[in-house]
Protein backbone atom coordinates (compact mmCIF):
# COMPACT_ATOMS: atom_id res chain seq x y z
CA MET A 1 0.00 0.00 0.00
CA ILE A 2 2.86 2.36 0.75
CA ALA A 3 4.33 1.99 -2.74
CA VAL A 4 0.96 2.80 -4.31
CA ALA A 5 0.49 5.74 -1.95
CA LEU A 6 3.92 7.13 -2.82
CA GLU A 7 3.11 6.99 -6.54
CA LEU A 8 -0.33 8.53 -6.06
CA ARG A 9 1.15 11.35 -3.98
CA GLN A 10 3.73 11.98 -6.70
CA ARG A 11 0.84 12.33 -9.15
CA GLY A 12 -0.78 14.98 -6.96
CA HIS A 13 -3.23 13.01 -4.84
CA ASP A 14 -3.78 13.53 -1.11
CA ILE A 15 -3.30 10.25 0.75
CA VAL A 16 -4.78 9.28 4.10
CA PHE A 17 -4.02 5.95 5.74
CA VAL A 18 -6.60 4.43 8.06
CA THR A 19 -5.01 1.44 9.74
CA HIS A 20 -3.90 0.03 13.07
CA GLN A 21 -1.95 2.27 15.42
CA VAL A 22 1.13 0.04 15.25
CA TYR A 23 1.80 1.54 11.78
CA GLN A 24 1.36 5.18 12.79
CA PHE A 25 5.05 6.03 13.16
CA LYS A 26 5.99 4.58 9.78
CA ILE A 27 3.08 6.23 7.95
CA GLU A 28 3.65 9.64 9.50
CA ALA A 29 7.43 9.38 8.96
CA LEU A 30 6.68 9.15 5.24
CA GLY A 31 4.59 12.32 5.49
CA PHE A 32 1.17 10.73 5.12
CA GLU A 33 -1.89 11.57 7.17
CA PHE A 34 -2.78 8.80 9.62
CA HIS A 35 -6.02 7.83 11.35
CA SER A 36 -6.34 4.94 13.76
CA MET A 37 -8.60 2.00 12.95
CA ARG A 38 -10.31 -0.23 15.48
CA PRO A 39 -9.91 -2.75 16.91
CA ASP A 40 -6.37 -2.07 17.98
CA PHE A 41 -3.84 -4.88 18.24
CA THR A 42 -4.18 -5.10 22.01
CA ALA A 43 -7.53 -6.77 21.40
CA MET A 44 -5.78 -9.39 19.29
CA ASN A 45 -4.07 -10.71 22.43
CA ASP A 46 -7.37 -11.26 24.24
CA PRO A 47 -9.10 -14.49 23.11
CA GLN A 48 -12.44 -13.46 24.61
CA GLU A 49 -12.36 -10.09 22.85
CA MET A 50 -11.41 -11.73 19.56
CA ALA A 51 -14.30 -14.20 19.91
CA ARG A 52 -16.69 -11.31 20.57
CA MET A 53 -15.49 -9.43 17.48
CA MET A 54 -15.87 -12.53 15.28
CA GLU A 55 -19.44 -13.34 16.31
CA VAL A 56 -21.88 -13.33 13.42
């Protein structure tokens, strides 16, 4: 996604990444706008929370 974003920015587009907070530093270091997406990765370490998120 970063390679595509770099090319799109070069062509004049404004790029905003919406992804997990673990990527925030890398995205912002490249000069892109960042917005956090839920659930965060801390929920991934909680089996009960993961089960709740996966319920149909």
